[in-house]
Protein backbone atom coordinates (compact mmCIF):
# COMPACT_ATOMS: atom_id res chain seq x y z
CA UNK A 1 70.96 93.62 94.73
CA UNK A 2 74.08 94.49 96.65
CA UNK A 3 72.71 94.23 100.18
CA UNK A 4 75.03 91.44 101.27
CA UNK A 5 78.03 92.34 99.15
CA UNK A 6 77.33 89.81 96.41
CA UNK A 7 78.53 92.15 93.72
CA UNK A 8 81.83 91.09 92.22
CA UNK A 9 84.61 93.63 92.09
CA UNK A 10 87.35 93.53 89.53
CA UNK A 11 90.77 92.72 90.93
CA UNK A 12 93.46 95.17 89.98
CA UNK A 13 97.03 94.09 89.40
CA UNK A 14 99.20 95.21 92.30
CA UNK A 15 102.91 95.85 91.82
CA UNK A 16 105.17 94.02 94.30
CA UNK A 17 106.30 96.22 97.15
CA UNK A 18 109.98 96.22 98.07
CA UNK A 19 110.54 95.76 101.78
CA UNK A 20 113.57 96.12 103.98
CA UNK A 21 112.89 92.78 105.67
CA UNK A 22 115.96 90.74 106.60
CA UNK A 23 117.04 88.10 104.13
CA UNK A 24 116.55 84.41 104.86
CA UNK A 25 119.74 82.59 105.79
CA UNK A 26 119.35 79.39 103.82
CA UNK A 27 117.00 76.87 102.30
CA UNK A 28 115.16 76.58 105.65
CA UNK A 29 113.99 80.19 105.27
CA UNK A 30 114.84 81.22 108.83
CA UNK A 31 115.74 84.85 109.53
CA UNK A 32 119.21 85.20 111.18
CA UNK A 33 117.86 87.17 114.12
CA UNK A 34 115.52 84.32 115.02
CA UNK A 35 118.09 81.51 114.98
CA UNK A 36 120.07 82.46 118.08
CA UNK A 37 117.68 82.74 121.02
CA UNK A 38 120.16 83.48 123.82
CA UNK A 39 123.54 82.36 125.14
CA UNK A 40 123.31 79.26 127.32
CA UNK A 41 125.16 80.22 130.50
CA UNK A 42 126.19 77.31 132.72
CA UNK A 43 129.42 76.22 134.39
CA UNK A 44 130.17 73.88 131.50
CA UNK A 45 129.50 76.62 128.94
CA UNK A 46 131.76 79.09 130.79
CA UNK A 47 134.60 76.53 130.87
CA UNK A 48 134.12 75.88 127.16
CA UNK A 49 134.47 79.63 126.54
CA UNK A 50 138.14 79.42 127.49
CA UNK A 51 138.63 77.06 124.51
CA UNK A 52 136.90 79.40 121.99
CA UNK A 53 133.66 77.41 122.19
CA UNK A 54 130.44 79.31 122.87
CA UNK A 55 127.03 77.78 123.63
CA UNK A 56 123.72 79.21 122.37
CA UNK A 57 120.10 78.13 122.65
CA UNK A 58 118.80 78.04 119.09
CA UNK A 59 115.60 77.79 117.06
CA UNK A 60 114.42 74.13 116.99
CA UNK A 61 114.52 73.80 113.17
CA UNK A 62 117.90 75.49 112.68
CA UNK A 63 120.74 73.57 111.06
CA UNK A 64 124.50 73.81 111.58
CA UNK A 65 124.88 75.99 108.49
CA UNK A 66 122.14 78.33 109.68
CA UNK A 67 123.82 78.73 113.08
CA UNK A 68 127.25 79.35 111.54
CA UNK A 69 125.89 82.05 109.22
CA UNK A 70 123.87 83.68 112.02
CA UNK A 71 126.89 83.86 114.36
CA UNK A 72 129.08 85.23 111.57
CA UNK A 73 126.52 87.93 110.72
CA UNK A 74 125.70 88.83 114.32
CA UNK A 75 129.22 89.00 115.78
CA UNK A 76 131.51 89.41 112.72
CA UNK A 77 133.69 86.43 113.62
CA UNK A 78 134.80 83.35 111.68
CA UNK A 79 133.19 80.08 112.76
CA UNK A 80 135.30 76.91 112.59
CA UNK A 81 132.77 74.26 113.71
CA UNK A 82 129.22 73.89 115.02
CA UNK A 83 127.93 70.97 117.11
CA UNK A 84 124.23 70.69 117.95
CA UNK A 85 122.50 68.85 120.81
CA UNK A 86 118.84 68.45 121.72
CA UNK A 87 117.67 68.28 125.32
CA UNK A 88 114.27 66.56 125.60
CA UNK A 89 111.37 67.89 127.66
CA UNK A 90 110.93 66.48 131.14
CA UNK A 91 107.62 65.92 132.91
CA UNK A 92 107.18 66.40 136.64
CA UNK A 93 110.54 68.06 137.20
CA UNK A 94 109.00 71.26 138.61
CA UNK A 95 106.09 71.44 141.00
CA UNK A 96 103.90 74.51 141.07
CA UNK A 97 100.92 74.82 143.41
CA UNK A 98 100.91 71.07 144.04
CA UNK A 99 100.82 70.14 140.36
CA UNK A 100 103.61 68.53 138.37
CA UNK A 101 105.13 70.91 135.89
CA UNK A 102 107.01 70.44 132.66
CA UNK A 103 110.50 71.51 131.67
CA UNK A 104 110.63 72.61 128.03
CA UNK A 105 112.87 70.97 125.45
CA UNK A 106 115.74 73.06 124.11
CA UNK A 107 118.22 72.81 121.27
CA UNK A 108 121.78 73.98 121.89
CA UNK A 109 124.62 74.80 119.54
CA UNK A 110 128.29 74.62 120.51
CA UNK A 111 130.02 77.12 118.22
CA UNK A 112 133.82 76.93 117.84
CA UNK A 113 135.47 80.13 116.66
CA UNK A 114 138.72 80.65 114.77
CA UNK A 115 141.82 80.91 116.95
CA UNK A 116 142.16 84.43 118.35
CA UNK A 117 138.46 85.33 118.00
CA UNK A 118 136.42 86.15 121.10
CA UNK A 119 132.82 87.06 121.94
CA UNK A 120 131.76 89.36 124.76
CA UNK A 121 128.47 87.78 125.82
CA UNK A 122 128.58 88.42 129.56
């Protein structure tokens, strides 16, 4: 009886569907649009911008190669070097309604561009 759907149905072979999804950047499988979260705008970052160094908050599992490829694809510039730093999370740094809060951890990338290249971020 097929009251509870116990009947077996034959599985038909399905042809793969081509999609226009963005290609993965590298072996990590991260999509370029997801690597760069936002520009990190601070006094230090603005001073670094005068030396062709731009600072971005990035996806936590991104590598230097991923960041270089993502910047090249997003802004059509040549990247010379990428340095990455991790800022750990901090407990109790913010207080909301009498309770200690938490400041999230972030990962930053300092991207050095080829001489003469510029980005208009702000």
